[in-house]
Amino acid sequence: MADTPSALNCLVPDFSATMTGGKTFELKEYSGKNIVIYFYPKDNTPGCTTESIAFRDLHPQFLEKNTVVFGVSRDSLRSHEGFKNKLALSFELISDPDETLCNLFNVMKMKNMYGKQVRGIERSTFVIDATGKLVKEWRGVKVAGHVDDVLEFVSAQT
């Protein structure tokens, strides 16, 4: 699809989405900064909680590297606000109930859950550089050590 950032070093099309804190994410507003967008299946589940806490704990180091972090799932803003407050997340969560961003980044996959095929978000992380290019992606992420890998990648870029 021509308007999906399907290849590294291609420009990510501008997009906007609702996020926590009563804000709207606009890609163009982060020009000049690196952006980490991590997609996760569901608020308040073990893997998603662990991953979000890891991003929270390393968030100051990301900021030192001129990098902003955003989490994305299909959960509602209300769910996101509760999840963000419960974990004291220092970054915003983007709500994507209509799967616009999920489709843009091609993270919707068929998965096995309790022996049944279900459609859901494949845990994935993307780095967009200060010029708006997709420079790194991780798909099918395993949570342990992942956020350290993302920080290491971002640190090597600066």
N, C-alpha and C. Protein backbone atom coordinates (compact mmCIF):
# COMPACT_ATOMS: atom_id res chain seq x y z
N MET A 1 0.85 -1.17 0.00
CA MET A 1 0.00 0.00 0.00
C MET A 1 0.89 1.24 0.00
N ALA A 2 0.63 2.17 -0.87
CA ALA A 2 1.49 3.32 -1.06
C ALA A 2 1.58 4.22 0.16
N ASP A 3 0.53 4.29 0.96
CA ASP A 3 0.56 5.23 2.07
C ASP A 3 0.85 4.58 3.42
N THR A 4 1.45 3.40 3.40
CA THR A 4 1.90 2.80 4.65
C THR A 4 3.41 2.85 4.71
N PRO A 5 3.97 3.09 5.90
CA PRO A 5 5.42 3.13 6.01
C PRO A 5 5.97 1.70 6.03
N SER A 6 5.87 1.03 4.88
CA SER A 6 6.20 -0.39 4.83
C SER A 6 7.68 -0.66 4.61
N ALA A 7 8.43 0.36 4.31
CA ALA A 7 9.86 0.15 4.07
C ALA A 7 10.66 1.11 4.93
N LEU A 8 11.79 0.62 5.40
CA LEU A 8 12.65 1.49 6.18
C LEU A 8 13.12 2.65 5.31
N ASN A 9 13.37 3.76 5.97
CA ASN A 9 13.84 4.99 5.34
C ASN A 9 12.82 5.64 4.42
N CYS A 10 11.55 5.26 4.52
CA CYS A 10 10.53 5.99 3.79
C CYS A 10 9.83 6.94 4.76
N LEU A 11 9.34 8.03 4.23
CA LEU A 11 8.63 9.01 5.06
C LEU A 11 7.31 8.43 5.54
N VAL A 12 7.01 8.65 6.78
CA VAL A 12 5.73 8.23 7.35
C VAL A 12 4.72 9.34 7.03
N PRO A 13 3.58 9.00 6.45
CA PRO A 13 2.59 10.04 6.16
C PRO A 13 2.10 10.70 7.44
N ASP A 14 1.82 11.99 7.37
CA ASP A 14 1.33 12.70 8.54
C ASP A 14 0.00 12.07 8.98
N PHE A 15 -0.21 11.98 10.27
CA PHE A 15 -1.46 11.46 10.80
C PHE A 15 -1.76 12.14 12.12
N SER A 16 -3.01 12.05 12.52
CA SER A 16 -3.39 12.57 13.83
C SER A 16 -4.24 11.50 14.52
N ALA A 17 -4.23 11.52 15.85
CA ALA A 17 -4.98 10.54 16.63
C ALA A 17 -5.22 11.10 18.02
N THR A 18 -6.29 10.65 18.65
CA THR A 18 -6.59 11.12 20.00
C THR A 18 -5.70 10.38 21.00
N MET A 19 -5.29 11.11 22.02
CA MET A 19 -4.45 10.50 23.05
C MET A 19 -4.82 11.03 24.42
N THR A 20 -4.24 10.43 25.42
CA THR A 20 -4.51 10.78 26.80
C THR A 20 -4.14 12.24 27.05
N GLY A 21 -4.61 12.74 28.17
CA GLY A 21 -4.32 14.11 28.54
C GLY A 21 -5.15 15.12 27.76
N GLY A 22 -6.19 14.64 27.07
CA GLY A 22 -7.04 15.53 26.29
C GLY A 22 -6.33 16.11 25.08
N LYS A 23 -5.31 15.43 24.61
CA LYS A 23 -4.48 15.93 23.51
C LYS A 23 -4.75 15.15 22.23
N THR A 24 -4.31 15.74 21.14
CA THR A 24 -4.34 15.08 19.84
C THR A 24 -2.92 14.94 19.35
N PHE A 25 -2.55 13.73 18.97
CA PHE A 25 -1.23 13.49 18.39
C PHE A 25 -1.26 13.95 16.94
N GLU A 26 -0.30 14.77 16.56
CA GLU A 26 -0.11 15.19 15.17
C GLU A 26 1.35 14.92 14.85
N LEU A 27 1.62 14.02 13.93
CA LEU A 27 2.99 13.64 13.61
C LEU A 27 3.85 14.86 13.30
N LYS A 28 3.31 15.80 12.53
CA LYS A 28 4.10 16.97 12.11
C LYS A 28 4.55 17.82 13.29
N GLU A 29 3.86 17.74 14.42
CA GLU A 29 4.24 18.53 15.59
C GLU A 29 5.53 18.04 16.24
N TYR A 30 5.98 16.87 15.85
CA TYR A 30 7.19 16.30 16.45
C TYR A 30 8.38 16.33 15.48
N SER A 31 8.26 17.14 14.44
CA SER A 31 9.37 17.32 13.51
C SER A 31 10.59 17.79 14.29
N GLY A 32 11.74 17.19 13.99
CA GLY A 32 12.96 17.53 14.71
C GLY A 32 13.23 16.64 15.91
N LYS A 33 12.28 15.76 16.22
CA LYS A 33 12.46 14.79 17.32
C LYS A 33 12.33 13.38 16.76
N ASN A 34 13.00 12.44 17.41
CA ASN A 34 12.77 11.04 17.12
C ASN A 34 11.50 10.63 17.85
N ILE A 35 10.76 9.70 17.26
CA ILE A 35 9.51 9.23 17.85
C ILE A 35 9.56 7.71 17.96
N VAL A 36 9.26 7.21 19.14
CA VAL A 36 9.07 5.77 19.33
C VAL A 36 7.58 5.56 19.51
N ILE A 37 7.02 4.71 18.66
CA ILE A 37 5.61 4.33 18.78
C ILE A 37 5.58 2.83 19.02
N TYR A 38 5.06 2.45 20.18
CA TYR A 38 4.94 1.00 20.43
C TYR A 38 3.47 0.62 20.47
N PHE A 39 3.15 -0.43 19.73
CA PHE A 39 1.79 -0.97 19.66
C PHE A 39 1.71 -2.16 20.60
N TYR A 40 0.68 -2.19 21.41
CA TYR A 40 0.50 -3.30 22.35
C TYR A 40 -0.96 -3.74 22.33
N PRO A 41 -1.21 -5.01 22.64
CA PRO A 41 -2.57 -5.55 22.49
C PRO A 41 -3.64 -4.95 23.40
N LYS A 42 -3.39 -4.79 24.71
CA LYS A 42 -4.49 -4.39 25.59
C LYS A 42 -3.98 -3.83 26.92
N ASP A 43 -4.62 -2.75 27.35
CA ASP A 43 -4.33 -2.17 28.66
C ASP A 43 -4.54 -3.22 29.76
N ASN A 44 -3.75 -3.10 30.82
CA ASN A 44 -3.92 -3.89 32.05
C ASN A 44 -3.75 -5.40 31.86
N THR A 45 -2.99 -5.81 30.85
CA THR A 45 -2.64 -7.22 30.71
C THR A 45 -1.17 -7.35 31.08
N PRO A 46 -0.73 -8.54 31.48
CA PRO A 46 0.63 -8.67 32.03
C PRO A 46 1.76 -8.17 31.12
N GLY A 47 1.79 -8.64 29.87
CA GLY A 47 2.88 -8.23 28.97
C GLY A 47 2.84 -6.75 28.65
N CYS A 48 1.65 -6.22 28.45
CA CYS A 48 1.50 -4.80 28.11
C CYS A 48 1.87 -3.93 29.31
N THR A 49 1.53 -4.38 30.50
CA THR A 49 1.91 -3.65 31.71
C THR A 49 3.43 -3.64 31.87
N THR A 50 4.05 -4.80 31.71
CA THR A 50 5.51 -4.90 31.84
C THR A 50 6.22 -4.02 30.82
N GLU A 51 5.74 -4.06 29.57
CA GLU A 51 6.36 -3.25 28.52
C GLU A 51 6.20 -1.75 28.81
N SER A 52 5.02 -1.34 29.22
CA SER A 52 4.77 0.08 29.50
C SER A 52 5.60 0.56 30.68
N ILE A 53 5.75 -0.26 31.70
CA ILE A 53 6.59 0.11 32.85
C ILE A 53 8.04 0.26 32.41
N ALA A 54 8.50 -0.62 31.53
CA ALA A 54 9.88 -0.51 31.04
C ALA A 54 10.09 0.79 30.27
N PHE A 55 9.12 1.17 29.42
CA PHE A 55 9.22 2.45 28.72
C PHE A 55 9.17 3.61 29.72
N ARG A 56 8.32 3.49 30.74
CA ARG A 56 8.23 4.54 31.77
C ARG A 56 9.57 4.70 32.48
N ASP A 57 10.16 3.59 32.88
CA ASP A 57 11.39 3.65 33.66
C ASP A 57 12.56 4.20 32.86
N LEU A 58 12.57 3.99 31.56
CA LEU A 58 13.66 4.50 30.72
C LEU A 58 13.29 5.80 30.00
N HIS A 59 12.10 6.31 30.25
CA HIS A 59 11.64 7.51 29.56
C HIS A 59 12.60 8.70 29.69
N PRO A 60 13.18 8.97 30.85
CA PRO A 60 14.13 10.09 30.93
C PRO A 60 15.32 9.93 29.97
N GLN A 61 15.79 8.69 29.80
CA GLN A 61 16.91 8.46 28.88
C GLN A 61 16.48 8.67 27.43
N PHE A 62 15.24 8.30 27.09
CA PHE A 62 14.73 8.57 25.75
C PHE A 62 14.67 10.09 25.51
N LEU A 63 14.16 10.82 26.49
CA LEU A 63 14.07 12.28 26.34
C LEU A 63 15.46 12.90 26.15
N GLU A 64 16.46 12.37 26.86
CA GLU A 64 17.83 12.86 26.70
C GLU A 64 18.34 12.66 25.28
N LYS A 65 17.78 11.70 24.58
CA LYS A 65 18.17 11.40 23.20
C LYS A 65 17.23 12.05 22.19
N ASN A 66 16.54 13.12 22.61
CA ASN A 66 15.64 13.86 21.72
C ASN A 66 14.55 12.95 21.14
N THR A 67 14.05 12.06 22.00
CA THR A 67 13.09 11.05 21.55
C THR A 67 11.85 11.07 22.43
N VAL A 68 10.68 11.12 21.79
CA VAL A 68 9.41 11.04 22.50
C VAL A 68 8.83 9.65 22.29
N VAL A 69 8.10 9.18 23.29
CA VAL A 69 7.54 7.82 23.29
C VAL A 69 6.03 7.90 23.37
N PHE A 70 5.36 7.04 22.60
CA PHE A 70 3.91 6.93 22.63
C PHE A 70 3.52 5.46 22.54
N GLY A 71 2.55 5.05 23.35
CA GLY A 71 1.99 3.71 23.27
C GLY A 71 0.67 3.77 22.53
N VAL A 72 0.36 2.72 21.77
CA VAL A 72 -0.88 2.66 20.99
C VAL A 72 -1.55 1.31 21.18
N SER A 73 -2.85 1.34 21.45
CA SER A 73 -3.67 0.13 21.39
C SER A 73 -5.07 0.54 20.96
N ARG A 74 -5.93 -0.46 20.81
CA ARG A 74 -7.31 -0.18 20.39
C ARG A 74 -8.20 0.18 21.56
N ASP A 75 -7.66 0.22 22.77
CA ASP A 75 -8.46 0.55 23.94
C ASP A 75 -8.99 1.98 23.87
N SER A 76 -10.06 2.23 24.61
CA SER A 76 -10.67 3.56 24.66
C SER A 76 -9.78 4.55 25.40
N LEU A 77 -10.04 5.82 25.22
CA LEU A 77 -9.30 6.84 25.97
C LEU A 77 -9.53 6.66 27.47
N ARG A 78 -10.73 6.31 27.85
CA ARG A 78 -11.02 6.11 29.28
C ARG A 78 -10.14 4.99 29.85
N SER A 79 -10.04 3.89 29.13
CA SER A 79 -9.19 2.79 29.56
C SER A 79 -7.73 3.24 29.62
N HIS A 80 -7.30 3.96 28.59
CA HIS A 80 -5.92 4.47 28.55
C HIS A 80 -5.62 5.40 29.72
N GLU A 81 -6.55 6.29 30.03
CA GLU A 81 -6.33 7.22 31.15
C GLU A 81 -6.14 6.45 32.46
N GLY A 82 -6.97 5.42 32.67
CA GLY A 82 -6.84 4.61 33.87
C GLY A 82 -5.51 3.85 33.91
N PHE A 83 -5.13 3.28 32.78
CA PHE A 83 -3.89 2.53 32.68
C PHE A 83 -2.69 3.46 32.90
N LYS A 84 -2.74 4.62 32.27
CA LYS A 84 -1.65 5.60 32.42
C LYS A 84 -1.51 6.03 33.88
N ASN A 85 -2.62 6.34 34.52
CA ASN A 85 -2.59 6.78 35.92
C ASN A 85 -2.13 5.67 36.85
N LYS A 86 -2.64 4.47 36.63
CA LYS A 86 -2.29 3.32 37.48
C LYS A 86 -0.79 3.06 37.46
N LEU A 87 -0.17 3.19 36.27
CA LEU A 87 1.26 2.90 36.13
C LEU A 87 2.13 4.15 36.24
N ALA A 88 1.51 5.32 36.44
CA ALA A 88 2.24 6.60 36.51
C ALA A 88 3.12 6.78 35.27
N LEU A 89 2.53 6.53 34.09
CA LEU A 89 3.28 6.69 32.84
C LEU A 89 3.55 8.17 32.58
N SER A 90 4.75 8.46 32.14
CA SER A 90 5.16 9.85 31.91
C SER A 90 5.05 10.24 30.44
N PHE A 91 4.37 9.44 29.66
CA PHE A 91 4.15 9.72 28.24
C PHE A 91 2.70 9.41 27.93
N GLU A 92 2.25 9.85 26.77
CA GLU A 92 0.85 9.70 26.39
C GLU A 92 0.59 8.37 25.69
N LEU A 93 -0.67 7.92 25.79
CA LEU A 93 -1.14 6.72 25.10
C LEU A 93 -2.14 7.15 24.03
N ILE A 94 -2.02 6.57 22.86
CA ILE A 94 -2.89 6.88 21.73
C ILE A 94 -3.97 5.82 21.63
N SER A 95 -5.21 6.27 21.50
CA SER A 95 -6.34 5.36 21.35
C SER A 95 -6.63 5.19 19.86
N ASP A 96 -6.71 3.93 19.42
CA ASP A 96 -6.93 3.63 18.00
C ASP A 96 -8.05 2.61 17.84
N PRO A 97 -9.27 2.93 18.31
CA PRO A 97 -10.36 1.95 18.28
C PRO A 97 -10.79 1.56 16.87
N ASP A 98 -10.60 2.43 15.91
CA ASP A 98 -11.00 2.11 14.53
C ASP A 98 -9.84 1.52 13.71
N GLU A 99 -8.70 1.29 14.38
CA GLU A 99 -7.53 0.63 13.80
C GLU A 99 -6.85 1.41 12.67
N THR A 100 -7.04 2.71 12.62
CA THR A 100 -6.40 3.52 11.58
C THR A 100 -4.88 3.41 11.64
N LEU A 101 -4.32 3.64 12.84
CA LEU A 101 -2.86 3.54 12.98
C LEU A 101 -2.40 2.09 12.88
N CYS A 102 -3.18 1.18 13.44
CA CYS A 102 -2.82 -0.23 13.35
C CYS A 102 -2.69 -0.66 11.89
N ASN A 103 -3.60 -0.18 11.05
CA ASN A 103 -3.54 -0.51 9.63
C ASN A 103 -2.41 0.23 8.93
N LEU A 104 -2.18 1.48 9.31
CA LEU A 104 -1.09 2.25 8.72
C LEU A 104 0.25 1.55 8.94
N PHE A 105 0.44 0.99 10.13
CA PHE A 105 1.69 0.31 10.46
C PHE A 105 1.60 -1.21 10.29
N ASN A 106 0.46 -1.69 9.81
CA ASN A 106 0.28 -3.11 9.48
C ASN A 106 0.58 -4.02 10.67
N VAL A 107 -0.03 -3.72 11.81
CA VAL A 107 0.21 -4.53 13.01
C VAL A 107 -0.95 -5.46 13.38
N MET A 108 -2.04 -5.43 12.62
CA MET A 108 -3.16 -6.32 12.90
C MET A 108 -2.87 -7.68 12.30
N LYS A 109 -2.94 -8.72 13.15
CA LYS A 109 -2.59 -10.08 12.72
C LYS A 109 -3.59 -11.07 13.31
N MET A 110 -3.66 -12.24 12.68
CA MET A 110 -4.42 -13.34 13.27
C MET A 110 -3.50 -14.01 14.29
N LYS A 111 -4.03 -14.23 15.49
CA LYS A 111 -3.23 -14.81 16.57
C LYS A 111 -4.02 -15.95 17.20
N ASN A 112 -3.31 -16.88 17.81
CA ASN A 112 -3.96 -17.96 18.56
C ASN A 112 -4.12 -17.52 20.00
N MET A 113 -5.34 -17.60 20.50
CA MET A 113 -5.59 -17.28 21.90
C MET A 113 -6.51 -18.34 22.46
N TYR A 114 -5.96 -19.11 23.38
CA TYR A 114 -6.71 -20.19 24.02
C TYR A 114 -7.29 -21.15 22.97
N GLY A 115 -6.49 -21.44 21.94
CA GLY A 115 -6.88 -22.39 20.92
C GLY A 115 -7.78 -21.84 19.83
N LYS A 116 -8.08 -20.55 19.89
CA LYS A 116 -8.94 -19.94 18.87
C LYS A 116 -8.16 -18.89 18.10
N GLN A 117 -8.51 -18.74 16.82
CA GLN A 117 -7.92 -17.69 16.00
C GLN A 117 -8.65 -16.37 16.30
N VAL A 118 -7.90 -15.35 16.69
CA VAL A 118 -8.47 -14.03 16.93
C VAL A 118 -7.60 -12.99 16.22
N ARG A 119 -8.24 -11.93 15.82
CA ARG A 119 -7.53 -10.83 15.17
C ARG A 119 -7.12 -9.83 16.24
N GLY A 120 -5.85 -9.49 16.27
CA GLY A 120 -5.39 -8.57 17.30
C GLY A 120 -4.09 -7.90 16.90
N ILE A 121 -3.63 -7.03 17.77
CA ILE A 121 -2.39 -6.29 17.53
C ILE A 121 -1.20 -7.20 17.78
N GLU A 122 -0.29 -7.24 16.81
CA GLU A 122 0.99 -7.89 17.01
C GLU A 122 1.89 -6.87 17.71
N ARG A 123 2.41 -7.22 18.88
CA ARG A 123 3.25 -6.30 19.64
C ARG A 123 4.41 -5.85 18.74
N SER A 124 4.48 -4.56 18.49
CA SER A 124 5.46 -4.01 17.54
C SER A 124 5.90 -2.62 17.99
N THR A 125 7.12 -2.26 17.62
CA THR A 125 7.66 -0.93 17.95
C THR A 125 8.31 -0.35 16.70
N PHE A 126 8.11 0.96 16.53
CA PHE A 126 8.64 1.67 15.37
C PHE A 126 9.39 2.92 15.83
N VAL A 127 10.49 3.22 15.15
CA VAL A 127 11.22 4.46 15.39
C VAL A 127 11.15 5.30 14.13
N ILE A 128 10.67 6.52 14.31
CA ILE A 128 10.61 7.51 13.25
C ILE A 128 11.65 8.56 13.60
N ASP A 129 12.53 8.88 12.66
CA ASP A 129 13.60 9.83 12.98
C ASP A 129 13.11 11.28 12.90
N ALA A 130 14.00 12.20 13.18
CA ALA A 130 13.66 13.62 13.27
C ALA A 130 13.20 14.20 11.94
N THR A 131 13.46 13.50 10.83
CA THR A 131 13.02 13.98 9.52
C THR A 131 11.71 13.33 9.09
N GLY A 132 11.16 12.45 9.93
CA GLY A 132 9.89 11.80 9.61
C GLY A 132 10.01 10.48 8.89
N LYS A 133 11.23 9.93 8.83
CA LYS A 133 11.44 8.64 8.16
C LYS A 133 11.37 7.49 9.16
N LEU A 134 10.77 6.39 8.71
CA LEU A 134 10.77 5.17 9.50
C LEU A 134 12.17 4.58 9.40
N VAL A 135 12.87 4.48 10.53
CA VAL A 135 14.25 4.01 10.50
C VAL A 135 14.46 2.66 11.17
N LYS A 136 13.46 2.18 11.94
CA LYS A 136 13.61 0.88 12.59
C LYS A 136 12.23 0.35 12.98
N GLU A 137 12.08 -0.95 12.86
CA GLU A 137 10.86 -1.59 13.33
C GLU A 137 11.19 -2.92 13.97
N TRP A 138 10.44 -3.23 14.98
CA TRP A 138 10.50 -4.54 15.64
C TRP A 138 9.09 -5.09 15.58
N ARG A 139 8.92 -6.31 15.10
CA ARG A 139 7.61 -6.94 15.03
C ARG A 139 7.64 -8.24 15.82
N GLY A 140 6.49 -8.64 16.34
CA GLY A 140 6.43 -9.86 17.13
C GLY A 140 7.33 -9.77 18.35
N VAL A 141 7.29 -8.62 18.99
CA VAL A 141 8.19 -8.29 20.10
C VAL A 141 7.97 -9.21 21.30
N LYS A 142 9.07 -9.65 21.86
CA LYS A 142 9.08 -10.30 23.18
C LYS A 142 9.48 -9.21 24.16
N VAL A 143 8.73 -9.05 25.24
CA VAL A 143 8.87 -7.90 26.13
C VAL A 143 10.24 -7.83 26.81
N ALA A 144 10.74 -8.96 27.30
CA ALA A 144 11.99 -8.95 28.08
C ALA A 144 13.14 -8.35 27.27
N GLY A 145 13.71 -7.27 27.77
CA GLY A 145 14.86 -6.64 27.15
C GLY A 145 14.55 -5.76 25.95
N HIS A 146 13.31 -5.75 25.51
CA HIS A 146 12.97 -5.01 24.29
C HIS A 146 13.20 -3.50 24.42
N VAL A 147 12.74 -2.91 25.48
CA VAL A 147 12.86 -1.46 25.63
C VAL A 147 14.33 -1.06 25.70
N ASP A 148 15.17 -1.89 26.31
CA ASP A 148 16.61 -1.63 26.30
C ASP A 148 17.15 -1.61 24.87
N ASP A 149 16.68 -2.54 24.04
CA ASP A 149 17.10 -2.58 22.63
C ASP A 149 16.69 -1.31 21.89
N VAL A 150 15.47 -0.85 22.16
CA VAL A 150 14.98 0.37 21.50
C VAL A 150 15.84 1.57 21.93
N LEU A 151 16.11 1.68 23.22
CA LEU A 151 16.94 2.79 23.71
C LEU A 151 18.35 2.71 23.12
N GLU A 152 18.89 1.53 23.02
CA GLU A 152 20.22 1.35 22.43
C GLU A 152 20.23 1.82 20.98
N PHE A 153 19.18 1.46 20.23
CA PHE A 153 19.08 1.89 18.83
C PHE A 153 19.01 3.41 18.74
N VAL A 154 18.13 4.02 19.53
CA VAL A 154 17.96 5.47 19.51
C VAL A 154 19.25 6.17 19.91
N SER A 155 19.92 5.63 20.90
CA SER A 155 21.18 6.23 21.37
C SER A 155 22.25 6.20 20.28
N ALA A 156 22.27 5.16 19.47
CA ALA A 156 23.25 5.04 18.40
C ALA A 156 22.96 6.01 17.25
N GLN A 157 21.71 6.50 17.19
CA GLN A 157 21.32 7.42 16.12
C GLN A 157 21.70 8.87 16.41
N THR A 158 21.96 9.18 17.67
CA THR A 158 22.21 10.57 18.04
C THR A 158 23.70 10.86 18.19
